[in-house]
Amino acid sequence: MGVCAFTANPKHIVPLLSAAKFTKENVKRKKMINFNIFNLFDQAKKKYALSQNLFKDRTNQVITAYGKTTAYDVLTGIDQGEIISPILWCIYYDPLLAEINNQNLGYTVSCNNIQQIPQLNSAVIKQHVLALAFMDDTQWITDKKDKLELMLSIADSFYRLNDIQINKDKSELMMRTKMYKRRYSHIYNNKIDIQFGRESISIKVKYPHEPTRILGVYFNIENDEQYLISKVKAEIDHLMNLMWKKKITDKHILYIFNRIIIPHVEYWLQVFILSPDLIHRLFVPFC
């Protein structure tokens, strides 16, 4: 009956043969895929074992002026200065930042972008900002206290889940308040109680002109550049005092200026734009 069916309907033969060929090739592909998956699991197992062996059952010694100290046991984990730390921090930290971003807990910055000057046609540009993070150096940005506490609650649960140790007592708070009769509405000598996950911490708010160091760059809530200008001037004066009695040539001074002074100043001044007159007054010792 099967042969009669094939003879009576020859057009059905091609699909059946193609199906048989596909099934045979599919079996080969499945075997290949299973073999590749097995290799991937085997490689992942080896990489996991390697990573575990790198960061467990270790001892450490400190090099001092009097030689090495006695060896001591190191806690199982990744050292902050380890070269693999930035990569692993990206893997660990991205889920936390993504979750807080999905909760819309950040701060929205908006400004008017004038497109045509005669008609004064403008469009509003908005940017949502929730955090500035590099490894374990994190700044949470929001416009309300309850939002900040919710962000800290999510972050605290994430820290406990991944066994990340955070020194909450070293937290700093920058707050912009309204002014009433040339006085701030908040008394900056007073501390503020903030719920940080399961704990409540008391933080003294930074003064409006008091700088805060974030990844080597100094900020303050009033956008005052006086501290940064004094820091640049102090750095220049320090190097000038070191070079004052040294027997160096103009080529040495030029190298120090281009390789030490300029990179430091450029990095510090990422948040400010100095006028040409002020730049001239700062660098007049090298002129």
Protein backbone atom coordinates (compact mmCIF):
# COMPACT_ATOMS: atom_id res chain seq x y z
CA MET A 1 0.00 0.00 0.00
CA GLY A 2 2.86 2.27 0.68
CA VAL A 3 4.39 1.69 -2.79
CA CYS A 4 1.03 2.26 -4.46
CA ALA A 5 0.68 5.48 -2.59
CA PHE A 6 4.08 6.69 -3.75
CA THR A 7 3.28 5.66 -7.36
CA ALA A 8 -0.10 7.27 -7.36
CA ASN A 9 1.20 10.50 -5.84
CA PRO A 10 4.78 11.06 -7.01
CA LYS A 11 4.75 14.65 -5.75
CA HIS A 12 4.70 13.35 -2.16
CA ILE A 13 8.03 11.56 -2.62
CA VAL A 14 10.16 14.72 -2.60
CA PRO A 15 8.86 16.02 0.72
CA LEU A 16 9.29 12.62 2.34
CA LEU A 17 12.83 12.24 1.04
CA SER A 18 13.61 15.80 2.08
CA ALA A 19 12.17 15.09 5.52
CA ALA A 20 14.29 11.95 5.82
CA LYS A 21 17.39 13.87 4.71
CA PHE A 22 16.55 16.70 7.11
CA THR A 23 16.09 14.20 9.95
CA LYS A 24 19.47 12.63 9.24
CA GLU A 25 21.20 16.01 9.08
CA ASN A 26 19.29 17.13 12.14
CA VAL A 27 20.60 14.13 14.10
CA LYS A 28 24.15 15.07 13.08
CA ARG A 29 23.55 18.67 14.10
CA LYS A 30 22.09 17.57 17.44
CA LYS A 31 25.15 15.44 18.08
CA MET A 32 27.37 18.38 17.15
CA ILE A 33 25.35 20.77 19.31
CA ASN A 34 25.41 18.36 22.25
CA PHE A 35 29.15 17.99 21.83
CA ASN A 36 29.61 21.77 21.68
CA ILE A 37 27.39 22.27 24.74
CA PHE A 38 29.38 19.63 26.59
CA ASN A 39 32.61 21.43 25.66
CA LEU A 40 31.16 24.76 26.81
CA PHE A 41 30.10 23.31 30.15
CA ASP A 42 33.51 21.68 30.51
CA GLN A 43 35.30 24.95 29.72
CA ALA A 44 33.03 26.87 32.08
CA LYS A 45 33.74 24.33 34.81
CA LYS A 46 37.49 24.74 34.31
CA LYS A 47 37.21 28.56 34.34
CA TYR A 48 35.09 28.42 37.48
CA ALA A 49 37.65 26.18 39.19
CA LEU A 50 40.44 28.54 38.09
CA SER A 51 38.64 31.62 39.43
CA GLN A 52 37.91 29.84 42.71
CA ASN A 53 41.53 28.80 43.13
CA LEU A 54 42.71 32.35 42.49
CA PHE A 55 40.71 33.89 45.33
CA LYS A 56 40.57 31.29 48.11
CA ASP A 57 43.03 29.70 50.56
CA ARG A 58 45.54 32.54 50.17
CA THR A 59 48.11 34.19 52.40
CA ASN A 60 49.58 37.66 52.13
CA GLN A 61 52.64 39.60 53.31
CA VAL A 62 53.28 43.33 53.54
CA ILE A 63 56.58 44.81 52.35
CA THR A 64 57.90 47.34 54.86
CA ALA A 65 61.13 49.24 55.32
CA TYR A 66 62.30 46.50 57.71
CA GLY A 67 61.39 43.59 55.43
CA LYS A 68 58.32 41.46 54.93
CA THR A 69 55.78 40.88 57.67
CA THR A 70 54.69 37.43 58.74
CA ALA A 71 52.17 35.80 56.44
CA TYR A 72 48.50 36.07 57.33
CA ASP A 73 45.37 34.50 55.88
CA VAL A 74 43.38 36.53 53.35
CA LEU A 75 39.60 36.41 53.32
CA THR A 76 38.09 34.57 50.38
CA GLY A 77 37.13 37.15 47.77
CA ILE A 78 38.46 39.59 45.21
CA ASP A 79 40.92 42.26 46.26
CA GLN A 80 39.98 45.82 45.38
CA GLY A 81 43.28 46.38 43.59
CA GLU A 82 43.07 43.17 41.60
CA ILE A 83 43.28 43.71 37.83
CA ILE A 84 40.20 41.54 37.27
CA SER A 85 38.12 43.64 39.68
CA PRO A 86 36.76 46.20 37.14
CA ILE A 87 35.44 43.44 34.88
CA LEU A 88 33.80 41.55 37.71
CA TRP A 89 32.35 44.75 39.17
CA CYS A 90 30.67 45.45 35.81
CA ILE A 91 29.18 41.95 35.83
CA TYR A 92 28.03 42.24 39.44
CA TYR A 93 26.92 45.88 39.46
CA ASP A 94 25.00 46.16 36.19
CA PRO A 95 21.93 44.28 37.53
CA LEU A 96 21.69 46.69 40.47
CA LEU A 97 21.91 49.79 38.26
CA ALA A 98 19.42 48.28 35.81
CA GLU A 99 16.91 47.53 38.60
CA ILE A 100 17.10 51.07 40.01
CA ASN A 101 16.81 52.47 36.49
CA ASN A 102 13.64 50.43 35.92
CA GLN A 103 12.18 51.86 39.14
CA ASN A 104 12.59 55.45 37.79
CA LEU A 105 14.21 56.57 41.04
CA GLY A 106 16.78 58.93 39.63
CA TYR A 107 16.75 62.62 38.72
CA THR A 108 15.74 64.15 35.40
CA VAL A 109 17.83 67.03 34.08
CA SER A 110 16.12 69.19 31.47
CA CYS A 111 17.01 72.32 29.53
CA ASN A 112 15.67 74.33 26.60
CA ASN A 113 17.57 73.91 23.35
CA ILE A 114 17.02 76.96 21.14
CA GLN A 115 16.92 75.78 17.53
CA GLN A 116 16.10 79.02 15.71
CA ILE A 117 17.18 82.30 17.27
CA PRO A 118 14.89 84.78 15.44
CA GLN A 119 11.72 82.82 16.23
CA LEU A 120 13.06 81.55 19.57
CA ASN A 121 11.86 78.05 18.78
CA SER A 122 13.16 75.67 21.37
CA ALA A 123 12.92 72.01 22.28
CA VAL A 124 13.25 70.54 25.74
CA ILE A 125 16.13 68.11 26.16
CA LYS A 126 15.83 65.67 29.06
CA GLN A 127 18.37 63.30 30.58
CA HIS A 128 17.58 60.84 33.34
CA VAL A 129 20.45 60.37 35.81
CA LEU A 130 20.33 57.89 38.68
CA ALA A 131 23.90 57.09 39.67
CA LEU A 132 27.58 57.58 38.98
CA ALA A 133 29.36 54.31 39.61
CA PHE A 134 32.84 52.95 39.15
CA MET A 135 33.45 49.67 40.99
CA ASP A 136 32.54 50.27 44.65
CA ASP A 137 32.60 54.08 44.35
CA THR A 138 28.92 54.90 43.84
CA GLN A 139 26.96 58.15 43.97
CA TRP A 140 23.16 57.92 44.10
CA ILE A 141 21.40 60.94 42.62
CA THR A 142 17.75 61.82 43.17
CA ASP A 143 15.48 64.72 44.07
CA LYS A 144 13.58 63.35 47.09
CA LYS A 145 14.52 61.71 50.37
CA ASP A 146 12.03 58.84 50.02
CA LYS A 147 13.45 58.02 46.58
CA LEU A 148 16.97 58.02 48.02
CA GLU A 149 15.96 55.66 50.83
CA LEU A 150 14.30 53.31 48.34
CA MET A 151 17.47 53.30 46.21
CA LEU A 152 19.55 52.57 49.30
CA SER A 153 17.17 49.78 50.32
CA ILE A 154 17.55 48.08 46.92
CA ALA A 155 21.31 48.58 47.03
CA ASP A 156 21.55 47.19 50.58
CA SER A 157 19.65 44.03 49.65
CA PHE A 158 21.95 43.63 46.65
CA TYR A 159 25.05 44.05 48.84
CA ARG A 160 23.81 41.43 51.31
CA LEU A 161 22.91 39.02 48.50
CA ASN A 162 26.40 39.22 46.97
CA ASP A 163 28.25 39.50 50.31
CA ILE A 164 29.65 42.96 49.46
CA GLN A 165 30.94 44.81 52.51
CA ILE A 166 29.95 48.48 52.61
CA ASN A 167 31.06 50.96 55.27
CA LYS A 168 27.86 52.94 55.65
CA ASP A 169 29.39 55.30 58.21
CA LYS A 170 31.61 56.76 55.46
CA SER A 171 28.61 57.85 53.41
CA GLU A 172 28.48 61.53 52.44
CA LEU A 173 25.45 63.61 51.56
CA MET A 174 25.25 66.64 49.28
CA MET A 175 21.95 68.49 49.33
CA ARG A 176 20.78 71.59 47.51
CA THR A 177 18.23 73.62 49.45
CA LYS A 178 16.28 76.80 48.81
CA MET A 179 17.42 80.14 50.15
CA TYR A 180 15.17 82.44 52.17
CA LYS A 181 16.42 85.95 52.90
CA ARG A 182 19.97 84.90 51.94
CA ARG A 183 19.82 81.96 54.31
CA TYR A 184 19.54 78.29 53.50
CA SER A 185 16.37 76.54 54.60
CA HIS A 186 18.46 73.73 56.12
CA ILE A 187 20.86 74.14 59.06
CA TYR A 188 23.98 72.37 57.84
CA ASN A 189 25.34 71.73 61.33
CA ASN A 190 22.44 69.36 62.00
CA LYS A 191 22.56 65.70 60.96
CA ILE A 192 19.91 63.95 58.89
CA ASP A 193 18.67 60.44 59.63
CA ILE A 194 18.46 58.28 56.51
CA GLN A 195 17.26 54.70 56.31
CA PHE A 196 19.99 52.68 54.58
CA GLY A 197 18.36 49.30 54.10
CA ARG A 198 17.99 47.62 57.49
CA GLU A 199 20.00 50.31 59.30
CA SER A 200 19.45 53.98 60.01
CA ILE A 201 22.47 56.27 59.65
CA SER A 202 22.96 59.89 60.67
CA ILE A 203 24.77 62.03 58.10
CA LYS A 204 25.96 65.58 58.38
CA VAL A 205 25.21 67.31 55.08
CA LYS A 206 28.10 68.86 53.21
CA TYR A 207 28.14 72.66 53.25
CA PRO A 208 27.16 74.23 49.91
CA HIS A 209 30.73 75.34 49.14
CA GLU A 210 32.44 72.32 50.73
CA PRO A 211 34.04 70.11 48.08
CA THR A 212 33.49 66.38 47.72
CA ARG A 213 36.00 64.19 45.94
CA ILE A 214 34.49 61.80 43.38
CA LEU A 215 37.01 59.72 41.42
CA GLY A 216 39.67 62.39 41.84
CA VAL A 217 37.43 65.29 40.74
CA TYR A 218 36.13 67.80 43.29
CA PHE A 219 32.49 68.90 43.31
CA ASN A 220 30.36 71.15 45.46
CA ILE A 221 26.65 71.80 45.40
CA GLU A 222 26.99 75.50 44.54
CA ASN A 223 29.33 74.86 41.61
CA ASP A 224 31.98 77.06 43.21
CA GLU A 225 35.40 76.73 41.57
CA GLN A 226 37.41 78.61 44.23
CA TYR A 227 38.58 75.44 45.98
CA LEU A 228 39.69 73.90 42.70
CA ILE A 229 41.55 77.04 41.67
CA SER A 230 43.40 77.09 44.98
CA LYS A 231 44.24 73.39 44.56
CA VAL A 232 45.68 73.97 41.08
CA LYS A 233 47.70 76.92 42.37
CA ALA A 234 48.99 74.86 45.31
CA GLU A 235 50.09 72.07 42.95
CA ILE A 236 51.96 74.53 40.73
CA ASP A 237 53.61 76.24 43.73
CA HIS A 238 54.64 72.85 45.14
CA LEU A 239 56.42 71.83 41.95
CA MET A 240 58.00 75.26 41.60
CA ASN A 241 59.43 75.00 45.13
CA LEU A 242 60.84 71.56 44.30
CA MET A 243 62.49 72.84 41.13
CA TRP A 244 63.68 76.15 42.56
CA LYS A 245 67.21 75.05 43.51
CA LYS A 246 67.53 72.13 41.12
CA LYS A 247 70.03 72.22 38.29
CA ILE A 248 67.64 71.55 35.45
CA THR A 249 67.34 72.85 31.92
CA ASP A 250 64.42 74.41 30.12
CA LYS A 251 63.74 71.01 28.52
CA HIS A 252 63.24 69.49 31.98
CA ILE A 253 60.82 72.26 32.95
CA LEU A 254 58.91 71.83 29.70
CA TYR A 255 58.64 68.08 30.30
CA ILE A 256 57.38 68.57 33.87
CA PHE A 257 54.86 71.14 32.68
CA ASN A 258 53.48 68.98 29.85
CA ARG A 259 53.62 65.59 31.59
CA ILE A 260 52.71 66.45 35.20
CA ILE A 261 51.00 69.83 35.50
CA ILE A 262 48.80 69.76 32.41
CA PRO A 263 47.36 66.21 32.92
CA HIS A 264 46.51 66.98 36.57
CA VAL A 265 44.88 70.29 35.75
CA GLU A 266 42.93 68.88 32.80
CA TYR A 267 41.56 66.07 34.94
CA TRP A 268 40.60 68.35 37.83
CA LEU A 269 38.95 70.93 35.56
CA GLN A 270 36.51 68.54 33.90
CA VAL A 271 33.63 70.24 35.71
CA PHE A 272 34.75 73.87 35.29
CA ILE A 273 35.78 76.16 32.46
CA LEU A 274 38.40 78.74 33.43
CA SER A 275 38.75 82.07 31.69
CA PRO A 276 41.94 82.77 29.66
CA ASP A 277 42.93 85.51 32.12
CA LEU A 278 42.68 83.13 35.09
CA ILE A 279 44.65 80.45 33.27
CA HIS A 280 47.40 82.98 32.54
CA ARG A 281 47.56 84.01 36.20
CA LEU A 282 47.77 80.39 37.34
CA PHE A 283 50.55 79.42 34.94
CA VAL A 284 52.55 82.62 35.15
CA PRO A 285 55.42 80.85 37.04
CA PHE A 286 56.09 78.80 33.91
CA CYS A 287 55.88 81.76 31.53
